[in-house]
C-alpha cells in the first residue's frame, strides 16, 4: 500500500451454526491464528475480530459464536453476541457446513438473515470432504429460498477457494482509513488471548470428558523486566468430579494442558511465557456478572 492509494476498510460478520468452521475460516483469511479452533461445537463464546489485509483494503472479520437454540444464560449471551456482531456490518458471510448439510440449525439462521439489509454472502465450507452433488444441491436450495448476493465454495482447512472469497469481501468494503495498524491481526488483548488458548487446550485434550460448564478466568497478567510474561489463570468448573478430570492422575493432565497452551502462547506472543493454572470448583459460575465481562460477553437476562 502506498501513500497515494485510496484505502478501504469495512466490517464483515461471520455467522453460522455451531461447528460450521467459522473460526478456521477467519484464521485463514487473516493468515494466522486469531481464533481458537476445536471439533467441539460452540467453541467460540464471544465476538472476536480478526484483521485481514487485501492490497489496499483492511477487512475487519467478526468471528461470532455459533447461532443455536439457547437454553442457559450463557447460551443466551453467546447468541446475543453472534447477532450483535452482525450489527452495522458492511457484509455478512453465512458459513454453512457443506458436509453436514441443511437442517434445523441452518435454515432458521438463513431465514433470519433474509430479513437483514446487509449484503449476504453464502460460504459453503468443508468442500474437501463434502459430496459434490449434495454440495451443489445445498447451494441451489439456499439461493432459491433466500437469494444470497454471492456464493463461494471453500475449504477453510486446506485454503481452497479462500483467496477468491477474500477478494470478494475486500471489493465490498467502503473507502476509508484503516482502523488498525498494518501489523495488527486481532483486537483481542493478550490477556483475552491467553484465556482463549487455555480454553482451546481444554477442549482439544479432554474432548467429550469435559462439559461446557467451564471457563477461564485470568487472575494475573504481568510483563516481567526480562521481557517474559507471567500469567495466572483459574479454570472454573461446577463440580469436584470435573476438577478431577482436568487435573488427571497425579496432576498429569493439567501439566499437559499448561505445557501445550504455554507453547502456543509463546509462538503467538513472541515472548517467553510463564503460565500457572489452577482449577477451582465454583458452582453456578454462569451467574457471575463479573466473569461475563472477563470473557467478553454481555449479561443476558
C-alpha atoms as a PDB file:
ATOM      1  CA  UNK A   1       0.000   0.000   0.000  1.00  0.00           C
ATOM      2  CA  UNK A   2       1.376   3.442  -0.967  1.00  0.00           C
ATOM      3  CA  UNK A   3       0.555   6.875   0.393  1.00  0.00           C
ATOM      4  CA  UNK A   4      -1.339   7.781  -2.779  1.00  0.00           C
ATOM      5  CA  UNK A   5      -3.500   4.667  -2.752  1.00  0.00           C
ATOM      6  CA  UNK A   6      -7.111   5.119  -1.649  1.00  0.00           C
ATOM      7  CA  UNK A   7      -7.635   2.835   1.296  1.00  0.00           C
ATOM      8  CA  UNK A   8     -10.747   0.852   2.107  1.00  0.00           C
ATOM      9  CA  UNK A   9     -11.905  -0.567   5.413  1.00  0.00           C
ATOM     10  CA  UNK A  10     -15.046  -2.378   6.451  1.00  0.00           C
ATOM     11  CA  UNK A  11     -16.661  -4.918   8.730  1.00  0.00           C
ATOM     12  CA  UNK A  12     -17.657  -8.471   7.830  1.00  0.00           C
ATOM     13  CA  UNK A  13     -19.740 -10.524  10.260  1.00  0.00           C
ATOM     14  CA  UNK A  14     -19.007 -14.241  10.015  1.00  0.00           C
ATOM     15  CA  UNK A  15     -22.105 -16.113  11.200  1.00  0.00           C
ATOM     16  CA  UNK A  16     -23.409 -19.658  11.080  1.00  0.00           C
ATOM     17  CA  UNK A  17     -24.443 -22.681  13.084  1.00  0.00           C
ATOM     18  CA  UNK A  18     -22.055 -24.231  15.630  1.00  0.00           C
ATOM     19  CA  UNK A  19     -19.102 -26.134  14.152  1.00  0.00           C
ATOM     20  CA  UNK A  20     -19.533 -24.712  10.643  1.00  0.00           C
ATOM     21  CA  UNK A  21     -15.847 -23.778  10.573  1.00  0.00           C
ATOM     22  CA  UNK A  22     -16.159 -20.029  11.129  1.00  0.00           C
ATOM     23  CA  UNK A  23     -13.056 -19.674  13.318  1.00  0.00           C
ATOM     24  CA  UNK A  24     -10.904 -21.756  10.964  1.00  0.00           C
ATOM     25  CA  UNK A  25     -12.069 -19.595   8.076  1.00  0.00           C
ATOM     26  CA  UNK A  26     -11.301 -16.347   9.933  1.00  0.00           C
ATOM     27  CA  UNK A  27      -7.818 -17.644  10.787  1.00  0.00           C
ATOM     28  CA  UNK A  28      -7.171 -18.495   7.131  1.00  0.00           C
ATOM     29  CA  UNK A  29      -8.428 -15.127   5.896  1.00  0.00           C
ATOM     30  CA  UNK A  30      -6.201 -13.309   8.400  1.00  0.00           C
ATOM     31  CA  UNK A  31      -3.223 -15.510   7.594  1.00  0.00           C
ATOM     32  CA  UNK A  32      -2.522 -16.634  11.135  1.00  0.00           C
ATOM     33  CA  UNK A  33      -4.310 -17.866  14.222  1.00  0.00           C
ATOM     34  CA  UNK A  34      -6.540 -15.316  15.952  1.00  0.00           C
ATOM     35  CA  UNK A  35      -9.453 -17.546  16.998  1.00  0.00           C
ATOM     36  CA  UNK A  36      -9.413 -20.881  18.795  1.00  0.00           C
ATOM     37  CA  UNK A  37     -10.489 -23.961  16.908  1.00  0.00           C
ATOM     38  CA  UNK A  38     -11.969 -27.201  18.201  1.00  0.00           C
ATOM     39  CA  UNK A  39     -14.019 -30.079  16.772  1.00  0.00           C
ATOM     40  CA  UNK A  40     -16.409 -29.427  19.643  1.00  0.00           C
ATOM     41  CA  UNK A  41     -19.387 -27.250  18.712  1.00  0.00           C
ATOM     42  CA  UNK A  42     -19.904 -23.820  20.307  1.00  0.00           C
ATOM     43  CA  UNK A  43     -16.193 -23.324  20.976  1.00  0.00           C
ATOM     44  CA  UNK A  44     -16.339 -19.597  20.198  1.00  0.00           C
ATOM     45  CA  UNK A  45     -18.113 -17.767  23.009  1.00  0.00           C
ATOM     46  CA  UNK A  46     -17.626 -14.099  22.293  1.00  0.00           C
ATOM     47  CA  UNK A  47     -17.199 -11.708  19.385  1.00  0.00           C
ATOM     48  CA  UNK A  48     -13.583 -11.744  18.270  1.00  0.00           C
ATOM     49  CA  UNK A  49     -12.264  -9.555  15.494  1.00  0.00           C
ATOM     50  CA  UNK A  50      -9.641 -10.800  13.076  1.00  0.00           C
ATOM     51  CA  UNK A  51      -7.993  -8.221  10.825  1.00  0.00           C
ATOM     52  CA  UNK A  52      -7.240  -9.254   7.254  1.00  0.00           C
ATOM     53  CA  UNK A  53      -5.402  -7.251   4.590  1.00  0.00           C
ATOM     54  CA  UNK A  54      -6.074  -7.472   0.861  1.00  0.00           C
ATOM     55  CA  UNK A  55      -3.972  -4.968  -1.097  1.00  0.00           C
ATOM     56  CA  UNK A  56      -5.244  -1.502  -0.023  1.00  0.00           C
ATOM     57  CA  UNK A  57      -8.185  -2.936   1.934  1.00  0.00           C
ATOM     58  CA  UNK A  58      -8.464  -3.783   5.628  1.00  0.00           C
ATOM     59  CA  UNK A  59     -11.211  -6.314   6.375  1.00  0.00           C
ATOM     60  CA  UNK A  60     -12.423  -6.470   9.967  1.00  0.00           C
ATOM     61  CA  UNK A  61     -13.740 -10.007  10.436  1.00  0.00           C
ATOM     62  CA  UNK A  62     -16.031 -10.562  13.394  1.00  0.00           C
ATOM     63  CA  UNK A  63     -15.867 -14.236  14.331  1.00  0.00           C
ATOM     64  CA  UNK A  64     -19.166 -14.787  16.131  1.00  0.00           C
ATOM     65  CA  UNK A  65     -20.357 -17.646  18.338  1.00  0.00           C
ATOM     66  CA  UNK A  66     -22.422 -20.272  16.553  1.00  0.00           C
ATOM     67  CA  UNK A  67     -26.132 -19.460  16.497  1.00  0.00           C
ATOM     68  CA  UNK A  68     -28.239 -22.140  18.148  1.00  0.00           C
ATOM     69  CA  UNK A  69     -31.328 -22.541  20.338  1.00  0.00           C
ATOM     70  CA  UNK A  70     -30.277 -21.009  23.687  1.00  0.00           C
ATOM     71  CA  UNK A  71     -31.307 -22.699  26.919  1.00  0.00           C
ATOM     72  CA  UNK A  72     -28.998 -21.295  29.615  1.00  0.00           C
ATOM     73  CA  UNK A  73     -27.920 -17.773  30.478  1.00  0.00           C
ATOM     74  CA  UNK A  74     -24.531 -18.415  28.900  1.00  0.00           C
ATOM     75  CA  UNK A  75     -26.231 -19.707  25.744  1.00  0.00           C
ATOM     76  CA  UNK A  76     -28.380 -16.578  25.504  1.00  0.00           C
ATOM     77  CA  UNK A  77     -25.342 -14.338  25.947  1.00  0.00           C
ATOM     78  CA  UNK A  78     -23.473 -16.213  23.196  1.00  0.00           C
ATOM     79  CA  UNK A  79     -26.361 -15.995  20.719  1.00  0.00           C
ATOM     80  CA  UNK A  80     -26.814 -12.295  21.522  1.00  0.00           C
ATOM     81  CA  UNK A  81     -23.102 -11.796  20.825  1.00  0.00           C
ATOM     82  CA  UNK A  82     -23.485 -13.543  17.468  1.00  0.00           C
ATOM     83  CA  UNK A  83     -26.335 -11.356  16.257  1.00  0.00           C
ATOM     84  CA  UNK A  84     -24.714  -8.298  17.817  1.00  0.00           C
ATOM     85  CA  UNK A  85     -21.618  -8.951  15.733  1.00  0.00           C
ATOM     86  CA  UNK A  86     -23.705  -8.523  12.594  1.00  0.00           C
ATOM     87  CA  UNK A  87     -24.928  -5.050  13.553  1.00  0.00           C
ATOM     88  CA  UNK A  88     -23.503  -2.377  11.296  1.00  0.00           C
ATOM     89  CA  UNK A  89     -21.627  -4.868   9.110  1.00  0.00           C
ATOM     90  CA  UNK A  90     -20.770  -3.985   5.519  1.00  0.00           C
ATOM     91  CA  UNK A  91     -21.331  -7.627   4.598  1.00  0.00           C
ATOM     92  CA  UNK A  92     -22.409 -10.844   6.291  1.00  0.00           C
ATOM     93  CA  UNK A  93     -20.689 -14.128   5.475  1.00  0.00           C
ATOM     94  CA  UNK A  94     -23.012 -17.031   6.250  1.00  0.00           C
ATOM     95  CA  UNK A  95     -20.849 -20.123   6.720  1.00  0.00           C
ATOM     96  CA  UNK A  96     -22.527 -23.490   6.193  1.00  0.00           C
ATOM     97  CA  UNK A  97     -21.024 -26.925   6.814  1.00  0.00           C
ATOM     98  CA  UNK A  98     -21.352 -28.371   3.321  1.00  0.00           C
ATOM     99  CA  UNK A  99     -20.805 -31.911   4.615  1.00  0.00           C
ATOM    100  CA  UNK A 100     -23.345 -31.589   7.424  1.00  0.00           C
ATOM    101  CA  UNK A 101     -25.913 -30.128   5.085  1.00  0.00           C
ATOM    102  CA  UNK A 102     -29.064 -28.149   5.747  1.00  0.00           C
ATOM    103  CA  UNK A 103     -31.189 -28.787   8.757  1.00  0.00           C
ATOM    104  CA  UNK A 104     -32.846 -27.346  11.852  1.00  0.00           C
ATOM    105  CA  UNK A 105     -29.712 -25.415  12.842  1.00  0.00           C
ATOM    106  CA  UNK A 106     -29.028 -23.881   9.412  1.00  0.00           C
ATOM    107  CA  UNK A 107     -32.353 -22.887   7.871  1.00  0.00           C
ATOM    108  CA  UNK A 108     -33.598 -20.708  10.772  1.00  0.00           C
ATOM    109  CA  UNK A 109     -30.386 -18.648  10.530  1.00  0.00           C
ATOM    110  CA  UNK A 110     -30.868 -18.244   6.778  1.00  0.00           C
ATOM    111  CA  UNK A 111     -34.454 -17.115   7.383  1.00  0.00           C
ATOM    112  CA  UNK A 112     -33.312 -14.524   9.925  1.00  0.00           C
ATOM    113  CA  UNK A 113     -30.601 -13.273   7.577  1.00  0.00           C
ATOM    114  CA  UNK A 114     -33.125 -12.862   4.765  1.00  0.00           C
ATOM    115  CA  UNK A 115     -34.726 -10.038   6.747  1.00  0.00           C
ATOM    116  CA  UNK A 116     -31.477  -8.084   7.027  1.00  0.00           C
ATOM    117  CA  UNK A 117     -30.424  -5.391   4.545  1.00  0.00           C
ATOM    118  CA  UNK A 118     -26.667  -6.030   4.597  1.00  0.00           C
ATOM    119  CA  UNK A 119     -25.125  -7.819   1.572  1.00  0.00           C
ATOM    120  CA  UNK A 120     -25.143 -11.528   2.339  1.00  0.00           C
ATOM    121  CA  UNK A 121     -22.545 -13.967   1.071  1.00  0.00           C
ATOM    122  CA  UNK A 122     -23.136 -17.708   1.260  1.00  0.00           C
ATOM    123  CA  UNK A 123     -19.969 -19.643   2.106  1.00  0.00           C
ATOM    124  CA  UNK A 124     -20.264 -23.403   1.772  1.00  0.00           C
ATOM    125  CA  UNK A 125     -17.343 -24.739   3.801  1.00  0.00           C
ATOM    126  CA  UNK A 126     -15.632 -28.136   4.055  1.00  0.00           C
ATOM    127  CA  UNK A 127     -15.923 -28.804   0.320  1.00  0.00           C
ATOM    128  CA  UNK A 128     -12.838 -31.012   0.552  1.00  0.00           C
ATOM    129  CA  UNK A 129     -14.857 -33.631   2.417  1.00  0.00           C
ATOM    130  CA  UNK A 130     -18.381 -32.937   1.125  1.00  0.00           C
ATOM    131  CA  UNK A 131     -20.233 -34.927  -1.529  1.00  0.00           C
ATOM    132  CA  UNK A 132     -20.233 -32.721  -4.649  1.00  0.00           C
ATOM    133  CA  UNK A 133     -23.816 -33.402  -5.860  1.00  0.00           C
ATOM    134  CA  UNK A 134     -25.170 -32.707  -2.359  1.00  0.00           C
ATOM    135  CA  UNK A 135     -22.987 -29.611  -2.111  1.00  0.00           C
ATOM    136  CA  UNK A 136     -24.434 -28.157  -5.318  1.00  0.00           C
ATOM    137  CA  UNK A 137     -27.906 -29.069  -4.147  1.00  0.00           C
ATOM    138  CA  UNK A 138     -27.425 -27.182  -0.873  1.00  0.00           C
ATOM    139  CA  UNK A 139     -26.231 -24.103  -2.755  1.00  0.00           C
ATOM    140  CA  UNK A 140     -29.172 -24.214  -5.165  1.00  0.00           C
ATOM    141  CA  UNK A 141     -31.744 -24.649  -2.407  1.00  0.00           C
ATOM    142  CA  UNK A 142     -30.387 -21.853  -0.225  1.00  0.00           C
ATOM    143  CA  UNK A 143     -30.147 -19.415  -3.129  1.00  0.00           C
ATOM    144  CA  UNK A 144     -33.598 -20.324  -4.387  1.00  0.00           C
ATOM    145  CA  UNK A 145     -35.142 -19.653  -0.985  1.00  0.00           C
ATOM    146  CA  UNK A 146     -33.049 -16.746   0.242  1.00  0.00           C
ATOM    147  CA  UNK A 147     -31.273 -15.114  -2.748  1.00  0.00           C
ATOM    148  CA  UNK A 148     -27.726 -14.539  -1.483  1.00  0.00           C
ATOM    149  CA  UNK A 149     -25.669 -11.857  -3.214  1.00  0.00           C
ATOM    150  CA  UNK A 150     -22.778 -14.244  -3.895  1.00  0.00           C
ATOM    151  CA  UNK A 151     -21.921 -17.885  -3.225  1.00  0.00           C
ATOM    152  CA  UNK A 152     -18.483 -19.362  -2.564  1.00  0.00           C
ATOM    153  CA  UNK A 153     -17.305 -22.932  -2.132  1.00  0.00           C
ATOM    154  CA  UNK A 154     -14.320 -23.153   0.202  1.00  0.00           C
ATOM    155  CA  UNK A 155     -12.319 -25.364   2.479  1.00  0.00           C
ATOM    156  CA  UNK A 156     -11.151 -23.329   5.452  1.00  0.00           C
ATOM    157  CA  UNK A 157      -8.839 -26.214   6.356  1.00  0.00           C
ATOM    158  CA  UNK A 158      -6.991 -26.551   3.030  1.00  0.00           C
ATOM    159  CA  UNK A 159      -7.500 -22.967   1.852  1.00  0.00           C
ATOM    160  CA  UNK A 160      -9.283 -23.923  -1.375  1.00  0.00           C
ATOM    161  CA  UNK A 161     -11.472 -21.042  -2.527  1.00  0.00           C
ATOM    162  CA  UNK A 162     -10.424 -18.755   0.345  1.00  0.00           C
ATOM    163  CA  UNK A 163      -8.389 -16.270  -1.784  1.00  0.00           C
ATOM    164  CA  UNK A 164     -11.388 -15.745  -4.078  1.00  0.00           C
ATOM    165  CA  UNK A 165     -13.667 -15.189  -1.090  1.00  0.00           C
ATOM    166  CA  UNK A 166     -11.193 -12.741   0.429  1.00  0.00           C
ATOM    167  CA  UNK A 167     -11.032 -10.718  -2.784  1.00  0.00           C
ATOM    168  CA  UNK A 168     -14.821 -10.593  -2.980  1.00  0.00           C
ATOM    169  CA  UNK A 169     -15.096  -9.399   0.627  1.00  0.00           C
ATOM    170  CA  UNK A 170     -12.460  -6.724   0.012  1.00  0.00           C
ATOM    171  CA  UNK A 171     -14.354  -5.428  -3.024  1.00  0.00           C
ATOM    172  CA  UNK A 172     -17.396  -4.783  -0.838  1.00  0.00           C
ATOM    173  CA  UNK A 173     -15.569  -2.715   1.758  1.00  0.00           C
ATOM    174  CA  UNK A 174     -16.186   1.063   1.646  1.00  0.00           C
ATOM    175  CA  UNK A 175     -13.488   3.655   1.047  1.00  0.00           C
ATOM    176  CA  UNK A 176     -11.954   4.962   4.250  1.00  0.00           C
ATOM    177  CA  UNK A 177      -8.904   4.904   6.501  1.00  0.00           C
ATOM    178  CA  UNK A 178      -7.700   1.700   8.102  1.00  0.00           C
ATOM    179  CA  UNK A 179      -8.825   1.289  11.704  1.00  0.00           C
ATOM    180  CA  UNK A 180      -5.786  -0.687  12.860  1.00  0.00           C
ATOM    181  CA  UNK A 181      -2.025  -0.709  12.156  1.00  0.00           C
ATOM    182  CA  UNK A 182      -0.968  -2.915   9.239  1.00  0.00           C
ATOM    183  CA  UNK A 183       0.778  -5.430  11.521  1.00  0.00           C
ATOM    184  CA  UNK A 184      -2.162  -5.935  13.921  1.00  0.00           C
ATOM    185  CA  UNK A 185      -4.133  -9.143  13.351  1.00  0.00           C
ATOM    186  CA  UNK A 186      -6.764  -9.019  16.106  1.00  0.00           C
ATOM    187  CA  UNK A 187      -8.497  -6.672  18.506  1.00  0.00           C
ATOM    188  CA  UNK A 188      -8.175  -9.217  21.317  1.00  0.00           C
ATOM    189  CA  UNK A 189      -5.941  -8.216  24.221  1.00  0.00           C
ATOM    190  CA  UNK A 190      -3.078 -10.532  25.161  1.00  0.00           C
ATOM    191  CA  UNK A 191      -4.944 -11.234  28.408  1.00  0.00           C
ATOM    192  CA  UNK A 192      -8.035 -12.399  26.498  1.00  0.00           C
ATOM    193  CA  UNK A 193      -5.937 -14.351  24.013  1.00  0.00           C
ATOM    194  CA  UNK A 194      -4.200 -16.209  26.831  1.00  0.00           C
ATOM    195  CA  UNK A 195      -7.528 -17.294  28.311  1.00  0.00           C
ATOM    196  CA  UNK A 196      -8.810 -18.432  24.911  1.00  0.00           C
ATOM    197  CA  UNK A 197      -5.698 -20.513  24.177  1.00  0.00           C
ATOM    198  CA  UNK A 198      -6.006 -22.337  27.511  1.00  0.00           C
ATOM    199  CA  UNK A 199      -9.709 -22.971  26.881  1.00  0.00           C
ATOM    200  CA  UNK A 200      -8.850 -24.366  23.455  1.00  0.00           C
ATOM    201  CA  UNK A 201      -6.497 -26.899  25.050  1.00  0.00           C
ATOM    202  CA  UNK A 202      -9.219 -27.969  27.488  1.00  0.00           C
ATOM    203  CA  UNK A 203     -11.452 -28.824  24.545  1.00  0.00           C
ATOM    204  CA  UNK A 204      -8.745 -30.450  22.436  1.00  0.00           C
ATOM    205  CA  UNK A 205      -7.265 -32.605  25.198  1.00  0.00           C
ATOM    206  CA  UNK A 206     -10.385 -33.554  27.129  1.00  0.00           C
ATOM    207  CA  UNK A 207     -12.824 -33.898  24.214  1.00  0.00           C
ATOM    208  CA  UNK A 208     -16.188 -35.151  25.487  1.00  0.00           C
ATOM    209  CA  UNK A 209     -14.939 -35.695  29.045  1.00  0.00           C
ATOM    210  CA  UNK A 210     -15.438 -32.048  29.991  1.00  0.00           C
ATOM    211  CA  UNK A 211     -18.838 -30.358  29.547  1.00  0.00           C
ATOM    212  CA  UNK A 212     -19.306 -26.735  28.571  1.00  0.00           C
ATOM    213  CA  UNK A 213     -19.593 -25.825  32.237  1.00  0.00           C
ATOM    214  CA  UNK A 214     -16.064 -24.474  32.393  1.00  0.00           C
ATOM    215  CA  UNK A 215     -14.458 -21.069  31.958  1.00  0.00           C
ATOM    216  CA  UNK A 216     -11.030 -19.463  32.200  1.00  0.00           C
ATOM    217  CA  UNK A 217     -10.509 -16.504  34.495  1.00  0.00           C
ATOM    218  CA  UNK A 218      -7.195 -14.650  34.291  1.00  0.00           C
ATOM    219  CA  UNK A 219      -6.237 -13.681  37.840  1.00  0.00           C
ATOM    220  CA  UNK A 220      -2.952 -12.006  36.964  1.00  0.00           C
ATOM    221  CA  UNK A 221      -1.183 -10.923  33.798  1.00  0.00           C
ATOM    222  CA  UNK A 222       2.244  -9.338  34.243  1.00  0.00           C
ATOM    223  CA  UNK A 223       5.082  -8.450  31.915  1.00  0.00           C
ATOM    224  CA  UNK A 224       8.403  -9.145  33.632  1.00  0.00           C
ATOM    225  CA  UNK A 225      11.508  -6.975  33.320  1.00  0.00           C
ATOM    226  CA  UNK A 226      13.258  -9.639  31.238  1.00  0.00           C
ATOM    227  CA  UNK A 227      10.518  -9.381  28.560  1.00  0.00           C
ATOM    228  CA  UNK A 228       8.738 -12.586  29.526  1.00  0.00           C
ATOM    229  CA  UNK A 229       5.076 -12.750  30.536  1.00  0.00           C
ATOM    230  CA  UNK A 230       3.680 -14.214  33.749  1.00  0.00           C
ATOM    231  CA  UNK A 231       0.077 -15.444  33.586  1.00  0.00           C
ATOM    232  CA  UNK A 232      -2.014 -16.904  36.402  1.00  0.00           C
ATOM    233  CA  UNK A 233      -5.341 -18.447  35.362  1.00  0.00           C
ATOM    234  CA  UNK A 234      -8.206 -20.173  37.150  1.00  0.00           C
ATOM    235  CA  UNK A 235     -10.120 -22.889  35.363  1.00  0.00           C
ATOM    236  CA  UNK A 236     -13.653 -22.716  36.747  1.00  0.00           C
ATOM    237  CA  UNK A 237     -15.834 -25.818  36.878  1.00  0.00           C
ATOM    238  CA  UNK A 238     -19.107 -26.582  38.622  1.00  0.00           C
ATOM    239  CA  UNK A 239     -18.332 -29.912  40.297  1.00  0.00           C
ATOM    240  CA  UNK A 240     -15.455 -31.652  42.048  1.00  0.00           C
ATOM    241  CA  UNK A 241     -15.656 -34.533  39.562  1.00  0.00           C
ATOM    242  CA  UNK A 242     -14.907 -32.074  36.736  1.00  0.00           C
ATOM    243  CA  UNK A 243     -11.923 -30.745  38.660  1.00  0.00           C
ATOM    244  CA  UNK A 244     -10.554 -34.289  38.923  1.00  0.00           C
ATOM    245  CA  UNK A 245     -10.893 -34.759  35.149  1.00  0.00           C
ATOM    246  CA  UNK A 246      -8.846 -31.632  34.413  1.00  0.00           C
ATOM    247  CA  UNK A 247      -6.168 -32.447  36.978  1.00  0.00           C
ATOM    248  CA  UNK A 248      -5.764 -36.022  35.794  1.00  0.00           C
ATOM    249  CA  UNK A 249      -3.868 -38.741  37.622  1.00  0.00           C
ATOM    250  CA  UNK A 250      -1.142 -37.167  39.707  1.00  0.00           C
ATOM    251  CA  UNK A 251      -1.847 -33.791  38.088  1.00  0.00           C
ATOM    252  CA  UNK A 252      -0.522 -35.044  34.752  1.00  0.00           C
ATOM    253  CA  UNK A 253      -3.418 -33.810  32.607  1.00  0.00           C
ATOM    254  CA  UNK A 254      -3.263 -30.194  33.762  1.00  0.00           C
ATOM    255  CA  UNK A 255       0.515 -30.242  33.225  1.00  0.00           C
ATOM    256  CA  UNK A 256      -0.027 -31.308  29.612  1.00  0.00           C
ATOM    257  CA  UNK A 257      -2.718 -28.658  29.112  1.00  0.00           C
ATOM    258  CA  UNK A 258      -0.436 -25.992  30.572  1.00  0.00           C
ATOM    259  CA  UNK A 259       2.609 -27.061  28.563  1.00  0.00           C
ATOM    260  CA  UNK A 260       0.752 -27.051  25.242  1.00  0.00           C
ATOM    261  CA  UNK A 261      -1.028 -23.757  25.964  1.00  0.00           C
ATOM    262  CA  UNK A 262       2.290 -22.192  27.018  1.00  0.00           C
ATOM    263  CA  UNK A 263       3.998 -23.265  23.794  1.00  0.00           C
ATOM    264  CA  UNK A 264       1.136 -21.888  21.714  1.00  0.00           C
ATOM    265  CA  UNK A 265       1.178 -18.572  23.567  1.00  0.00           C
ATOM    266  CA  UNK A 266       4.939 -18.201  23.199  1.00  0.00           C
ATOM    267  CA  UNK A 267       4.588 -18.698  19.454  1.00  0.00           C
ATOM    268  CA  UNK A 268       1.772 -16.138  19.176  1.00  0.00           C
ATOM    269  CA  UNK A 269       3.269 -13.539  21.522  1.00  0.00           C
ATOM    270  CA  UNK A 270       6.895 -13.905  20.515  1.00  0.00           C
ATOM    271  CA  UNK A 271       7.976 -13.956  24.150  1.00  0.00           C
ATOM    272  CA  UNK A 272       8.669 -16.470  26.899  1.00  0.00           C
ATOM    273  CA  UNK A 273       5.521 -17.275  28.874  1.00  0.00           C
ATOM    274  CA  UNK A 274       5.235 -18.469  32.479  1.00  0.00           C
ATOM    275  CA  UNK A 275       1.754 -19.987  32.734  1.00  0.00           C
ATOM    276  CA  UNK A 276       0.282 -21.073  36.071  1.00  0.00           C
ATOM    277  CA  UNK A 277      -3.030 -22.955  36.057  1.00  0.00           C
ATOM    278  CA  UNK A 278      -5.312 -23.605  38.992  1.00  0.00           C
ATOM    279  CA  UNK A 279      -8.636 -25.475  38.931  1.00  0.00           C
ATOM    280  CA  UNK A 280     -11.408 -24.064  41.103  1.00  0.00           C
ATOM    281  CA  UNK A 281     -14.825 -25.544  41.787  1.00  0.00           C
ATOM    282  CA  UNK A 282     -17.334 -22.690  41.577  1.00  0.00           C
ATOM    283  CA  UNK A 283     -20.940 -23.886  41.373  1.00  0.00           C
ATOM    284  CA  UNK A 284     -23.134 -21.524  39.375  1.00  0.00           C
ATOM    285  CA  UNK A 285     -20.249 -19.565  37.836  1.00  0.00           C
ATOM    286  CA  UNK A 286     -22.552 -18.856  34.892  1.00  0.00           C
ATOM    287  CA  UNK A 287     -24.424 -16.392  37.128  1.00  0.00           C
ATOM    288  CA  UNK A 288     -21.316 -14.321  37.886  1.00  0.00           C
ATOM    289  CA  UNK A 289     -21.685 -10.946  36.134  1.00  0.00           C
ATOM    290  CA  UNK A 290     -18.001 -10.145  36.550  1.00  0.00           C
ATOM    291  CA  UNK A 291     -16.965 -13.317  34.773  1.00  0.00           C
ATOM    292  CA  UNK A 292     -19.125 -12.447  31.770  1.00  0.00           C
ATOM    293  CA  UNK A 293     -17.189  -9.217  31.428  1.00  0.00           C
ATOM    294  CA  UNK A 294     -13.926 -11.147  31.765  1.00  0.00           C
ATOM    295  CA  UNK A 295     -14.755 -13.443  28.847  1.00  0.00           C
ATOM    296  CA  UNK A 296     -16.169 -10.609  26.722  1.00  0.00           C
ATOM    297  CA  UNK A 297     -19.908 -11.308  26.895  1.00  0.00           C
ATOM    298  CA  UNK A 298     -22.817  -9.068  27.844  1.00  0.00           C
ATOM    299  CA  UNK A 299     -25.016 -10.161  30.744  1.00  0.00           C
ATOM    300  CA  UNK A 300     -28.102 -11.933  29.387  1.00  0.00           C
ATOM    301  CA  UNK A 301     -31.356 -11.857  31.354  1.00  0.00           C
END
